């Protein structure tokens, strides 16, 4: 039998516990204790359901970026690229001697077809160059360690895949070229989708399986 006070094993028939001196009448036998334990069913701890992720929960410290934040980031990037392209265009025009061409055009009307062809060829080359530079800018910045363009970095936004992981240059390129499809949707619906889809994705985000998240 065991002492109910200190749990010391007591010889059968002992009147007092040799450890704490408690009378043996308060002691219970090991068999009795086992019977009592067997009679009481084990109670499982209460079940606490895991809190489900809300519709805007992406990862710890991150939430889906809404339409207006993305619009402001786009305008910042457009301003930066516009200033760069405008400066380059002005420098190219000066370097090509555009003033001399215009002066010769006034003196010799036969130069008009040549000037028109050169002008349109320059415009086509300029727009192709701006498209390539824009692609490299968006794809390289979004696949870099910054995970976003300068506009997105200014607002704490990053571009990830559907598992909130950094994207590769190929996936970032796919997202950029998917914007061509988004641009075909009238009334900017492809972009406005970022305001009402569950994960705040625009059409090109859905095509490229990407997310735009905000650090909190």
N, C-alpha and C. Protein backbone atom coordinates (compact mmCIF):
# COMPACT_ATOMS: atom_id res chain seq x y z
N UNK A 1 0.84 -1.18 0.00
CA UNK A 1 0.00 0.00 0.00
C UNK A 1 0.89 1.25 0.00
N UNK A 2 0.31 2.37 -0.47
CA UNK A 2 1.04 3.62 -0.60
C UNK A 2 0.40 4.68 0.30
N UNK A 3 1.25 5.58 0.79
CA UNK A 3 0.76 6.69 1.58
C UNK A 3 0.06 7.69 0.65
N UNK A 4 -1.14 8.08 1.04
CA UNK A 4 -1.89 9.03 0.21
C UNK A 4 -1.34 10.44 0.30
N UNK A 5 -0.42 10.68 1.25
CA UNK A 5 0.12 12.03 1.43
C UNK A 5 1.40 12.24 0.62
N UNK A 6 2.34 11.32 0.79
CA UNK A 6 3.63 11.49 0.11
C UNK A 6 3.88 10.44 -0.95
N UNK A 7 3.02 9.39 -1.04
CA UNK A 7 3.19 8.36 -2.05
C UNK A 7 4.23 7.32 -1.71
N UNK A 8 4.74 7.30 -0.47
CA UNK A 8 5.76 6.34 -0.06
C UNK A 8 5.15 4.95 0.06
N UNK A 9 5.87 3.93 -0.45
CA UNK A 9 5.43 2.54 -0.31
C UNK A 9 5.53 2.14 1.17
N UNK A 10 4.38 1.68 1.71
CA UNK A 10 4.32 1.29 3.13
C UNK A 10 4.16 -0.22 3.24
N UNK A 11 4.86 -0.83 4.18
CA UNK A 11 4.65 -2.27 4.41
C UNK A 11 3.21 -2.53 4.83
N UNK A 12 2.65 -3.68 4.40
CA UNK A 12 1.29 -4.04 4.79
C UNK A 12 1.19 -4.14 6.30
N UNK A 13 0.12 -3.54 6.84
CA UNK A 13 -0.13 -3.58 8.28
C UNK A 13 0.51 -2.43 9.03
N UNK A 14 1.25 -1.55 8.32
CA UNK A 14 1.88 -0.43 9.02
C UNK A 14 0.81 0.56 9.49
N UNK A 15 0.99 1.07 10.73
CA UNK A 15 0.03 2.02 11.29
C UNK A 15 0.33 3.44 10.85
N UNK A 16 1.61 3.74 10.56
CA UNK A 16 2.01 5.09 10.15
C UNK A 16 2.96 5.00 8.97
N UNK A 17 2.99 6.06 8.19
CA UNK A 17 3.90 6.13 7.04
C UNK A 17 5.31 6.38 7.55
N UNK A 18 6.30 5.55 7.15
CA UNK A 18 7.66 5.76 7.63
C UNK A 18 8.29 7.04 7.06
N UNK A 19 7.69 7.62 6.03
CA UNK A 19 8.28 8.82 5.41
C UNK A 19 7.76 10.09 6.06
N UNK A 20 6.40 10.24 6.10
CA UNK A 20 5.83 11.50 6.61
C UNK A 20 5.09 11.31 7.94
N UNK A 21 4.91 10.05 8.43
CA UNK A 21 4.26 9.81 9.70
C UNK A 21 2.76 9.88 9.66
N UNK A 22 2.14 9.95 8.48
CA UNK A 22 0.70 10.04 8.37
C UNK A 22 0.09 8.68 8.74
N UNK A 23 -1.05 8.66 9.44
CA UNK A 23 -1.69 7.38 9.78
C UNK A 23 -2.02 6.58 8.53
N UNK A 24 -1.86 5.28 8.62
CA UNK A 24 -2.06 4.42 7.46
C UNK A 24 -3.52 4.34 7.05
N UNK A 25 -4.47 4.78 7.87
CA UNK A 25 -5.88 4.75 7.49
C UNK A 25 -6.17 5.64 6.29
N UNK A 26 -5.33 6.63 6.03
CA UNK A 26 -5.52 7.52 4.89
C UNK A 26 -4.86 7.00 3.65
N UNK A 27 -4.16 5.83 3.76
CA UNK A 27 -3.45 5.27 2.62
C UNK A 27 -4.37 4.42 1.79
N UNK A 28 -4.05 4.30 0.52
CA UNK A 28 -4.83 3.44 -0.38
C UNK A 28 -3.89 2.45 -1.02
N UNK A 29 -4.38 1.30 -1.28
CA UNK A 29 -3.57 0.27 -1.90
C UNK A 29 -3.38 0.57 -3.37
N UNK A 30 -2.31 0.00 -3.95
CA UNK A 30 -2.03 0.21 -5.36
C UNK A 30 -3.10 -0.39 -6.23
N UNK A 31 -3.69 -1.52 -5.75
CA UNK A 31 -4.76 -2.15 -6.52
C UNK A 31 -5.98 -1.26 -6.55
N UNK A 32 -6.29 -0.63 -5.37
CA UNK A 32 -7.45 0.26 -5.32
C UNK A 32 -7.24 1.47 -6.21
N UNK A 33 -6.01 1.99 -6.17
CA UNK A 33 -5.73 3.16 -7.00
C UNK A 33 -5.86 2.82 -8.47
N UNK A 34 -5.40 1.62 -8.86
CA UNK A 34 -5.54 1.21 -10.25
C UNK A 34 -6.98 1.03 -10.64
N UNK A 35 -7.81 0.50 -9.71
CA UNK A 35 -9.22 0.30 -10.02
C UNK A 35 -9.93 1.64 -10.22
N UNK A 36 -9.57 2.59 -9.35
CA UNK A 36 -10.18 3.91 -9.49
C UNK A 36 -9.78 4.56 -10.81
N UNK A 37 -8.49 4.43 -11.18
CA UNK A 37 -8.03 5.03 -12.43
C UNK A 37 -8.71 4.39 -13.63
N UNK A 38 -8.94 3.05 -13.54
CA UNK A 38 -9.59 2.36 -14.65
C UNK A 38 -11.05 2.75 -14.76
N UNK A 39 -11.67 3.11 -13.61
CA UNK A 39 -13.09 3.43 -13.63
C UNK A 39 -13.35 4.82 -14.19
N UNK A 40 -12.35 5.69 -14.14
CA UNK A 40 -12.52 7.05 -14.63
C UNK A 40 -12.06 7.11 -16.07
N UNK A 41 -12.92 7.41 -17.02
CA UNK A 41 -12.49 7.45 -18.42
C UNK A 41 -11.59 8.64 -18.68
N UNK A 42 -10.65 8.43 -19.60
CA UNK A 42 -9.75 9.53 -19.98
C UNK A 42 -10.52 10.56 -20.77
N UNK A 43 -10.24 11.80 -20.45
CA UNK A 43 -10.93 12.91 -21.12
C UNK A 43 -9.95 13.58 -22.07
N UNK A 44 -10.29 13.62 -23.32
CA UNK A 44 -9.42 14.23 -24.32
C UNK A 44 -9.44 15.74 -24.16
N UNK A 45 -8.34 16.39 -24.47
CA UNK A 45 -8.33 17.86 -24.37
C UNK A 45 -9.33 18.44 -25.35
N UNK A 46 -9.89 19.56 -25.00
CA UNK A 46 -10.89 20.17 -25.88
C UNK A 46 -10.31 20.48 -27.25
N UNK A 47 -11.12 20.28 -28.29
CA UNK A 47 -10.68 20.54 -29.66
C UNK A 47 -10.81 22.03 -29.96
N UNK A 48 -9.72 22.59 -30.39
CA UNK A 48 -9.70 24.00 -30.75
C UNK A 48 -9.46 24.08 -32.24
N UNK A 49 -10.46 24.41 -33.02
CA UNK A 49 -10.27 24.45 -34.46
C UNK A 49 -9.31 25.53 -34.87
N UNK A 50 -8.50 25.22 -35.90
CA UNK A 50 -7.57 26.22 -36.42
C UNK A 50 -8.33 27.33 -37.10
N UNK A 51 -7.89 28.53 -36.85
CA UNK A 51 -8.59 29.66 -37.47
C UNK A 51 -8.32 29.67 -38.96
N UNK A 52 -9.35 29.67 -39.77
CA UNK A 52 -9.14 29.62 -41.21
C UNK A 52 -8.52 30.90 -41.73
N UNK A 53 -7.76 30.76 -42.82
CA UNK A 53 -7.15 31.93 -43.41
C UNK A 53 -8.22 32.77 -44.09
N UNK A 54 -8.21 34.02 -43.82
CA UNK A 54 -9.20 34.91 -44.43
C UNK A 54 -8.92 35.12 -45.90
N UNK A 55 -9.82 35.77 -46.59
CA UNK A 55 -9.65 35.94 -48.02
C UNK A 55 -8.49 36.85 -48.40
N UNK A 56 -7.95 37.62 -47.44
CA UNK A 56 -6.83 38.49 -47.76
C UNK A 56 -5.56 38.04 -47.04
N UNK A 57 -5.55 36.85 -46.45
CA UNK A 57 -4.35 36.37 -45.77
C UNK A 57 -3.51 35.58 -46.75
N UNK A 58 -2.27 35.98 -46.97
CA UNK A 58 -1.40 35.31 -47.92
C UNK A 58 -0.28 34.56 -47.22
N UNK A 59 0.43 35.22 -46.33
CA UNK A 59 1.55 34.64 -45.60
C UNK A 59 1.80 35.55 -44.41
N UNK A 60 2.52 35.04 -43.38
CA UNK A 60 2.80 35.90 -42.23
C UNK A 60 3.49 37.19 -42.66
N UNK A 61 2.90 38.32 -42.29
CA UNK A 61 3.47 39.61 -42.63
C UNK A 61 3.16 40.10 -44.02
N UNK A 62 2.29 39.38 -44.76
CA UNK A 62 1.97 39.76 -46.13
C UNK A 62 0.46 39.69 -46.34
N UNK A 63 -0.07 40.61 -47.11
CA UNK A 63 -1.47 40.58 -47.52
C UNK A 63 -1.52 40.91 -49.00
N UNK A 64 -2.63 40.58 -49.64
CA UNK A 64 -2.79 40.88 -51.04
C UNK A 64 -2.89 42.39 -51.26
N UNK A 65 -2.16 42.87 -52.24
CA UNK A 65 -2.18 44.30 -52.56
C UNK A 65 -3.43 44.63 -53.37
N UNK A 66 -4.12 45.68 -52.99
CA UNK A 66 -5.35 46.07 -53.65
C UNK A 66 -5.11 46.85 -54.94
N UNK A 67 -6.21 47.18 -55.61
CA UNK A 67 -6.14 47.83 -56.92
C UNK A 67 -5.48 49.20 -56.84
N UNK A 68 -5.83 50.01 -55.85
CA UNK A 68 -5.35 51.38 -55.81
C UNK A 68 -3.86 51.45 -55.52
N UNK A 69 -3.38 50.59 -54.63
CA UNK A 69 -1.94 50.56 -54.37
C UNK A 69 -1.17 50.17 -55.63
N UNK A 70 -1.70 49.20 -56.34
CA UNK A 70 -1.04 48.76 -57.57
C UNK A 70 -1.08 49.85 -58.63
N UNK A 71 -2.17 50.60 -58.69
CA UNK A 71 -2.27 51.69 -59.65
C UNK A 71 -1.23 52.77 -59.37
N UNK A 72 -1.07 53.13 -58.09
CA UNK A 72 -0.07 54.14 -57.74
C UNK A 72 1.33 53.65 -58.09
N UNK A 73 1.62 52.38 -57.81
CA UNK A 73 2.94 51.82 -58.15
C UNK A 73 3.16 51.86 -59.66
N UNK A 74 2.12 51.55 -60.43
CA UNK A 74 2.24 51.60 -61.89
C UNK A 74 2.51 53.02 -62.37
N UNK A 75 1.84 54.01 -61.79
CA UNK A 75 2.05 55.39 -62.20
C UNK A 75 3.47 55.85 -61.87
N UNK A 76 4.01 55.40 -60.74
CA UNK A 76 5.39 55.75 -60.40
C UNK A 76 6.35 55.16 -61.41
N UNK A 77 6.15 53.89 -61.76
CA UNK A 77 7.01 53.26 -62.77
C UNK A 77 6.86 53.93 -64.13
N UNK A 78 5.63 54.28 -64.50
CA UNK A 78 5.41 54.94 -65.79
C UNK A 78 6.11 56.29 -65.83
N UNK A 79 6.09 57.02 -64.71
CA UNK A 79 6.76 58.32 -64.64
C UNK A 79 8.27 58.15 -64.79
N UNK A 80 8.83 57.16 -64.10
CA UNK A 80 10.28 56.92 -64.16
C UNK A 80 10.69 56.54 -65.58
N UNK A 81 9.97 55.58 -66.18
CA UNK A 81 10.32 55.15 -67.53
C UNK A 81 10.08 56.26 -68.54
N UNK A 82 9.00 57.02 -68.34
CA UNK A 82 8.72 58.12 -69.26
C UNK A 82 9.82 59.17 -69.26
N UNK A 83 10.31 59.52 -68.09
CA UNK A 83 11.40 60.50 -68.00
C UNK A 83 12.66 59.97 -68.68
N UNK A 84 12.95 58.68 -68.45
CA UNK A 84 14.14 58.09 -69.09
C UNK A 84 14.00 58.06 -70.60
N UNK A 85 12.87 57.57 -71.10
CA UNK A 85 12.67 57.47 -72.54
C UNK A 85 12.62 58.86 -73.19
N UNK A 86 11.96 59.81 -72.53
CA UNK A 86 11.90 61.16 -73.08
C UNK A 86 13.27 61.79 -73.20
N UNK A 87 14.11 61.59 -72.17
CA UNK A 87 15.46 62.13 -72.21
C UNK A 87 16.27 61.52 -73.34
N UNK A 88 16.16 60.19 -73.48
CA UNK A 88 16.89 59.50 -74.55
C UNK A 88 16.41 59.98 -75.92
N UNK A 89 15.10 60.16 -76.07
CA UNK A 89 14.56 60.59 -77.36
C UNK A 89 15.08 61.98 -77.73
N UNK A 90 15.11 62.88 -76.76
CA UNK A 90 15.61 64.22 -77.02
C UNK A 90 17.08 64.19 -77.40
N UNK A 91 17.86 63.38 -76.68
CA UNK A 91 19.29 63.28 -77.00
C UNK A 91 19.51 62.68 -78.39
N UNK A 92 18.72 61.68 -78.75
CA UNK A 92 18.84 61.10 -80.08
C UNK A 92 18.47 62.10 -81.16
N UNK A 93 17.42 62.87 -80.90
CA UNK A 93 17.00 63.87 -81.89
C UNK A 93 18.08 64.92 -82.09
N UNK A 94 18.71 65.34 -80.99
CA UNK A 94 19.78 66.34 -81.10
C UNK A 94 20.98 65.74 -81.81
N UNK A 95 21.32 64.50 -81.43
CA UNK A 95 22.48 63.85 -82.05
C UNK A 95 22.29 63.59 -83.53
N UNK A 96 21.07 63.35 -83.95
CA UNK A 96 20.81 63.07 -85.36
C UNK A 96 20.73 64.34 -86.19
N UNK A 97 20.87 65.49 -85.56
CA UNK A 97 20.81 66.74 -86.30
C UNK A 97 19.43 67.03 -86.86
N UNK A 98 18.41 66.86 -86.02
CA UNK A 98 17.04 67.06 -86.48
C UNK A 98 16.83 68.50 -86.96
N UNK A 99 17.51 69.46 -86.33
CA UNK A 99 17.36 70.86 -86.76
C UNK A 99 17.86 71.07 -88.18
N UNK A 100 18.99 70.45 -88.51
CA UNK A 100 19.52 70.61 -89.87
C UNK A 100 18.60 69.96 -90.90
N UNK A 101 18.01 68.81 -90.53
CA UNK A 101 17.10 68.14 -91.45
C UNK A 101 15.89 69.02 -91.73
N UNK A 102 15.34 69.65 -90.68
CA UNK A 102 14.18 70.52 -90.88
C UNK A 102 14.55 71.73 -91.73
N UNK A 103 15.77 72.25 -91.55
CA UNK A 103 16.18 73.40 -92.34
C UNK A 103 16.34 73.02 -93.81
N UNK A 104 16.93 71.86 -94.07
CA UNK A 104 17.08 71.40 -95.45
C UNK A 104 15.73 71.07 -96.08
N UNK A 105 14.78 70.64 -95.25
CA UNK A 105 13.45 70.33 -95.76
C UNK A 105 12.78 71.60 -96.29
N UNK A 106 13.03 72.72 -95.65
CA UNK A 106 12.45 73.97 -96.11
C UNK A 106 13.10 74.43 -97.42
N UNK A 107 14.39 74.17 -97.55
CA UNK A 107 15.10 74.62 -98.74
C UNK A 107 14.89 73.69 -99.93
N UNK A 108 14.64 72.44 -99.67
CA UNK A 108 14.47 71.49 -100.77
C UNK A 108 13.27 70.60 -100.55
N UNK A 109 12.16 70.83 -101.22
CA UNK A 109 10.95 70.03 -101.02
C UNK A 109 11.12 68.57 -101.43
N UNK A 110 12.13 68.27 -102.23
CA UNK A 110 12.35 66.88 -102.64
C UNK A 110 12.76 66.00 -101.47
N UNK A 111 13.18 66.61 -100.37
CA UNK A 111 13.60 65.84 -99.19
C UNK A 111 12.41 65.38 -98.34
N UNK A 112 11.22 65.81 -98.66
CA UNK A 112 10.06 65.47 -97.84
C UNK A 112 9.83 63.97 -97.74
N UNK A 113 9.82 63.20 -98.83
CA UNK A 113 9.61 61.75 -98.69
C UNK A 113 10.71 61.08 -97.87
N UNK A 114 11.96 61.54 -98.07
CA UNK A 114 13.06 60.96 -97.31
C UNK A 114 12.90 61.24 -95.83
N UNK A 115 12.55 62.48 -95.51
CA UNK A 115 12.38 62.85 -94.11
C UNK A 115 11.23 62.08 -93.47
N UNK A 116 10.12 61.93 -94.21
CA UNK A 116 8.97 61.20 -93.67
C UNK A 116 9.34 59.76 -93.39
N UNK A 117 10.04 59.10 -94.32
CA UNK A 117 10.43 57.71 -94.10
C UNK A 117 11.38 57.56 -92.93
N UNK A 118 12.35 58.49 -92.85
CA UNK A 118 13.30 58.44 -91.73
C UNK A 118 12.60 58.68 -90.40
N UNK A 119 11.66 59.59 -90.41
CA UNK A 119 10.93 59.92 -89.18
C UNK A 119 10.15 58.70 -88.67
N UNK A 120 9.41 58.05 -89.57
CA UNK A 120 8.61 56.90 -89.15
C UNK A 120 9.49 55.71 -88.77
N UNK A 121 10.61 55.53 -89.46
CA UNK A 121 11.53 54.45 -89.10
C UNK A 121 12.12 54.69 -87.72
N UNK A 122 12.42 55.96 -87.41
CA UNK A 122 12.95 56.29 -86.08
C UNK A 122 11.90 56.04 -85.01
N UNK A 123 10.66 56.39 -85.30
CA UNK A 123 9.59 56.17 -84.33
C UNK A 123 9.40 54.68 -84.05
N UNK A 124 9.41 53.86 -85.10
CA UNK A 124 9.23 52.41 -84.93
C UNK A 124 10.38 51.85 -84.09
N UNK A 125 11.60 52.26 -84.43
CA UNK A 125 12.75 51.78 -83.65
C UNK A 125 12.65 52.22 -82.21
N UNK A 126 12.21 53.46 -81.98
CA UNK A 126 12.12 53.97 -80.61
C UNK A 126 11.08 53.19 -79.81
N UNK A 127 9.92 52.91 -80.39
CA UNK A 127 8.88 52.18 -79.66
C UNK A 127 9.29 50.74 -79.40
N UNK A 128 9.98 50.12 -80.34
CA UNK A 128 10.49 48.76 -80.10
C UNK A 128 11.52 48.76 -78.98
N UNK A 129 12.38 49.77 -78.98
CA UNK A 129 13.40 49.86 -77.93
C UNK A 129 12.76 50.09 -76.57
N UNK A 130 11.74 50.95 -76.51
CA UNK A 130 11.08 51.19 -75.23
C UNK A 130 10.37 49.93 -74.73
N UNK A 131 9.81 49.14 -75.65
CA UNK A 131 9.14 47.91 -75.24
C UNK A 131 10.14 46.91 -74.66
N UNK A 132 11.29 46.77 -75.33
CA UNK A 132 12.31 45.84 -74.84
C UNK A 132 12.86 46.29 -73.49
N UNK A 133 13.13 47.59 -73.37
CA UNK A 133 13.65 48.11 -72.10
C UNK A 133 12.63 47.94 -70.98
N UNK A 134 11.35 48.18 -71.29
CA UNK A 134 10.30 48.00 -70.28
C UNK A 134 10.21 46.54 -69.84
N UNK A 135 10.29 45.62 -70.79
CA UNK A 135 10.26 44.19 -70.46
C UNK A 135 11.41 43.84 -69.52
N UNK A 136 12.63 44.26 -69.87
CA UNK A 136 13.78 43.93 -69.03
C UNK A 136 13.64 44.58 -67.66
N UNK A 137 13.14 45.80 -67.63
CA UNK A 137 12.99 46.50 -66.35
C UNK A 137 12.02 45.75 -65.44
N UNK A 138 10.83 45.43 -65.93
CA UNK A 138 9.84 44.77 -65.10
C UNK A 138 10.28 43.34 -64.74
N UNK A 139 10.71 42.57 -65.73
CA UNK A 139 11.05 41.16 -65.48
C UNK A 139 12.28 41.04 -64.58
N UNK A 140 13.28 41.86 -64.82
CA UNK A 140 14.50 41.76 -64.01
C UNK A 140 14.26 42.23 -62.59
N UNK A 141 13.56 43.35 -62.42
CA UNK A 141 13.32 43.86 -61.07
C UNK A 141 12.42 42.92 -60.27
N UNK A 142 11.37 42.37 -60.90
CA UNK A 142 10.44 41.52 -60.17
C UNK A 142 11.04 40.15 -59.85
N UNK A 143 12.04 39.71 -60.60
CA UNK A 143 12.69 38.44 -60.32
C UNK A 143 13.97 38.62 -59.50
N UNK A 144 14.31 39.86 -59.16
CA UNK A 144 15.51 40.11 -58.35
C UNK A 144 15.19 39.91 -56.88
N UNK A 145 16.16 40.20 -56.04
CA UNK A 145 15.94 40.07 -54.60
C UNK A 145 14.97 41.11 -54.07
N UNK A 146 14.74 42.18 -54.85
CA UNK A 146 13.77 43.19 -54.44
C UNK A 146 12.34 42.74 -54.68
N UNK A 147 12.13 41.84 -55.64
CA UNK A 147 10.82 41.27 -55.97
C UNK A 147 9.81 42.33 -56.41
N UNK A 148 10.30 43.42 -56.96
CA UNK A 148 9.38 44.44 -57.41
C UNK A 148 10.10 45.58 -58.09
N UNK A 149 9.38 46.33 -58.89
CA UNK A 149 9.91 47.51 -59.55
C UNK A 149 10.10 48.64 -58.53
N UNK A 150 10.63 49.75 -59.00
CA UNK A 150 10.86 50.89 -58.10
C UNK A 150 9.53 51.39 -57.53
N UNK A 151 8.49 51.40 -58.36
CA UNK A 151 7.18 51.82 -57.86
C UNK A 151 6.65 50.89 -56.80
N UNK A 152 6.79 49.60 -57.00
CA UNK A 152 6.33 48.63 -56.00
C UNK A 152 7.18 48.72 -54.73
N UNK A 153 8.48 48.90 -54.89
CA UNK A 153 9.35 49.01 -53.72
C UNK A 153 8.96 50.24 -52.88
N UNK A 154 8.58 51.32 -53.54
CA UNK A 154 8.21 52.54 -52.80
C UNK A 154 6.97 52.32 -51.94
N UNK A 155 6.09 51.39 -52.35
CA UNK A 155 4.86 51.14 -51.60
C UNK A 155 4.90 49.83 -50.82
N UNK A 156 6.04 49.17 -50.78
CA UNK A 156 6.17 47.93 -50.02
C UNK A 156 5.48 46.75 -50.67
N UNK A 157 5.43 46.70 -52.00
CA UNK A 157 4.78 45.61 -52.71
C UNK A 157 5.83 44.67 -53.30
N UNK A 158 5.48 43.39 -53.37
CA UNK A 158 6.36 42.40 -53.98
C UNK A 158 5.54 41.49 -54.89
N UNK A 159 6.21 40.86 -55.84
CA UNK A 159 5.59 39.91 -56.75
C UNK A 159 6.07 38.51 -56.40
N UNK A 160 5.14 37.57 -56.23
CA UNK A 160 5.49 36.19 -55.87
C UNK A 160 4.69 35.23 -56.74
N UNK A 161 5.00 33.94 -56.59
CA UNK A 161 4.16 32.92 -57.22
C UNK A 161 2.98 32.62 -56.29
N UNK A 162 2.22 31.60 -56.60
CA UNK A 162 1.02 31.31 -55.83
C UNK A 162 1.33 30.77 -54.43
N UNK A 163 2.58 30.34 -54.19
CA UNK A 163 3.00 29.88 -52.86
C UNK A 163 3.80 30.96 -52.12
N UNK A 164 3.69 32.20 -52.57
CA UNK A 164 4.36 33.34 -51.93
C UNK A 164 5.87 33.23 -52.00
N UNK A 165 6.37 32.57 -53.05
CA UNK A 165 7.81 32.44 -53.25
C UNK A 165 8.26 33.41 -54.34
N UNK A 166 9.56 33.80 -54.34
CA UNK A 166 10.06 34.67 -55.41
C UNK A 166 9.88 34.03 -56.78
N UNK A 167 9.69 34.87 -57.79
CA UNK A 167 9.48 34.36 -59.14
C UNK A 167 10.78 34.38 -59.91
N UNK A 168 10.85 33.54 -60.93
CA UNK A 168 12.02 33.51 -61.81
C UNK A 168 11.89 34.58 -62.88
N UNK A 169 12.98 34.79 -63.62
CA UNK A 169 12.94 35.77 -64.72
C UNK A 169 11.96 35.33 -65.78
N UNK A 170 11.87 34.02 -66.03
CA UNK A 170 10.95 33.51 -67.04
C UNK A 170 9.49 33.78 -66.63
N UNK A 171 9.16 33.53 -65.37
CA UNK A 171 7.78 33.77 -64.92
C UNK A 171 7.47 35.27 -64.92
N UNK A 172 8.44 36.09 -64.50
CA UNK A 172 8.23 37.53 -64.53
C UNK A 172 8.06 38.02 -65.97
N UNK A 173 8.80 37.41 -66.91
CA UNK A 173 8.62 37.76 -68.32
C UNK A 173 7.24 37.35 -68.81
N UNK A 174 6.78 36.16 -68.40
CA UNK A 174 5.45 35.73 -68.77
C UNK A 174 4.38 36.66 -68.24
N UNK A 175 4.59 37.17 -67.03
CA UNK A 175 3.63 38.13 -66.46
C UNK A 175 3.63 39.42 -67.27
N UNK A 176 4.81 39.88 -67.69
CA UNK A 176 4.88 41.12 -68.47
C UNK A 176 4.18 40.96 -69.82
N UNK A 177 4.47 39.89 -70.53
CA UNK A 177 3.87 39.71 -71.85
C UNK A 177 2.37 39.39 -71.75
N UNK A 178 1.94 38.84 -70.62
CA UNK A 178 0.51 38.61 -70.43
C UNK A 178 -0.26 39.92 -70.33
N UNK A 179 0.43 40.99 -70.01
CA UNK A 179 -0.23 42.29 -69.98
C UNK A 179 -0.72 42.70 -71.36
N UNK A 180 -0.12 42.15 -72.41
CA UNK A 180 -0.62 42.44 -73.76
C UNK A 180 -2.06 41.94 -73.91
N UNK A 181 -2.34 40.78 -73.29
CA UNK A 181 -3.71 40.26 -73.32
C UNK A 181 -4.62 41.12 -72.44
N UNK A 182 -4.10 41.53 -71.28
CA UNK A 182 -4.88 42.39 -70.40
C UNK A 182 -5.25 43.70 -71.09
N UNK A 183 -4.33 44.21 -71.89
CA UNK A 183 -4.60 45.48 -72.59
C UNK A 183 -5.67 45.34 -73.65
N UNK A 184 -5.94 44.11 -74.10
CA UNK A 184 -6.96 43.91 -75.13
C UNK A 184 -8.38 43.96 -74.56
N UNK A 185 -8.50 43.79 -73.26
CA UNK A 185 -9.82 43.82 -72.64
C UNK A 185 -10.31 45.27 -72.56
N UNK A 186 -11.47 45.57 -73.09
CA UNK A 186 -11.94 46.98 -73.09
C UNK A 186 -12.21 47.49 -71.68
N UNK A 187 -12.15 48.81 -71.55
CA UNK A 187 -12.48 49.52 -70.32
C UNK A 187 -11.57 49.14 -69.15
N UNK A 188 -10.39 48.64 -69.46
CA UNK A 188 -9.39 48.29 -68.44
C UNK A 188 -9.91 47.24 -67.46
N UNK A 189 -10.84 46.41 -67.91
CA UNK A 189 -11.41 45.40 -67.01
C UNK A 189 -10.33 44.43 -66.54
N UNK A 190 -9.37 44.10 -67.40
CA UNK A 190 -8.31 43.18 -67.01
C UNK A 190 -7.51 43.67 -65.83
N UNK A 191 -7.35 45.00 -65.72
CA UNK A 191 -6.63 45.58 -64.59
C UNK A 191 -7.57 45.76 -63.38
N UNK A 192 -8.80 46.14 -63.65
CA UNK A 192 -9.75 46.38 -62.56
C UNK A 192 -10.06 45.08 -61.81
N UNK A 193 -9.81 43.93 -62.45
CA UNK A 193 -10.02 42.65 -61.77
C UNK A 193 -9.25 42.56 -60.47
N UNK A 194 -8.14 43.30 -60.37
CA UNK A 194 -7.35 43.28 -59.13
C UNK A 194 -8.12 43.87 -57.96
N UNK A 195 -9.22 44.55 -58.23
CA UNK A 195 -9.99 45.13 -57.15
C UNK A 195 -11.07 44.24 -56.59
N UNK A 196 -11.47 43.18 -57.34
CA UNK A 196 -12.57 42.36 -56.84
C UNK A 196 -12.32 40.86 -56.88
N UNK A 197 -11.19 40.39 -57.42
CA UNK A 197 -10.90 38.96 -57.36
C UNK A 197 -10.45 38.59 -55.94
N UNK A 198 -10.59 37.31 -55.61
CA UNK A 198 -10.34 36.86 -54.24
C UNK A 198 -8.92 37.18 -53.79
N UNK A 199 -7.93 36.96 -54.67
CA UNK A 199 -6.54 37.18 -54.32
C UNK A 199 -5.99 38.46 -54.94
N UNK A 200 -6.88 39.38 -55.30
CA UNK A 200 -6.50 40.68 -55.84
C UNK A 200 -5.59 40.53 -57.06
N UNK A 201 -5.95 39.62 -57.94
CA UNK A 201 -5.16 39.38 -59.14
C UNK A 201 -5.77 40.06 -60.35
N UNK A 202 -4.93 40.71 -61.13
CA UNK A 202 -5.34 41.19 -62.43
C UNK A 202 -5.29 40.02 -63.41
N UNK A 203 -5.75 40.25 -64.64
CA UNK A 203 -5.80 39.15 -65.61
C UNK A 203 -4.42 38.57 -65.88
N UNK A 204 -3.41 39.42 -66.02
CA UNK A 204 -2.06 38.91 -66.31
C UNK A 204 -1.47 38.18 -65.11
N UNK A 205 -1.89 38.52 -63.88
CA UNK A 205 -1.46 37.75 -62.71
C UNK A 205 -2.03 36.34 -62.75
N UNK A 206 -3.29 36.22 -63.13
CA UNK A 206 -3.92 34.90 -63.21
C UNK A 206 -3.27 34.06 -64.30
N UNK A 207 -2.98 34.67 -65.45
CA UNK A 207 -2.36 33.92 -66.54
C UNK A 207 -0.98 33.43 -66.14
N UNK A 208 -0.19 34.27 -65.47
CA UNK A 208 1.18 33.90 -65.09
C UNK A 208 1.26 33.23 -63.73
N UNK A 209 0.12 33.03 -63.05
CA UNK A 209 0.09 32.41 -61.71
C UNK A 209 0.98 33.18 -60.74
N UNK A 210 0.71 34.47 -60.63
CA UNK A 210 1.50 35.35 -59.75
C UNK A 210 0.56 36.07 -58.78
N UNK A 211 1.17 36.55 -57.71
CA UNK A 211 0.48 37.38 -56.71
C UNK A 211 1.26 38.66 -56.52
N UNK A 212 0.55 39.72 -56.19
CA UNK A 212 1.19 40.97 -55.77
C UNK A 212 0.80 41.18 -54.32
N UNK A 213 1.79 41.16 -53.43
CA UNK A 213 1.56 41.21 -51.99
C UNK A 213 2.11 42.50 -51.40
N UNK A 214 1.55 42.85 -50.25
CA UNK A 214 1.98 44.05 -49.53
C UNK A 214 2.56 43.64 -48.19
N UNK A 215 3.73 44.18 -47.87
CA UNK A 215 4.34 43.91 -46.57
C UNK A 215 3.61 44.72 -45.50
N UNK A 216 3.32 44.06 -44.34
CA UNK A 216 2.68 44.75 -43.24
C UNK A 216 3.52 44.62 -41.99
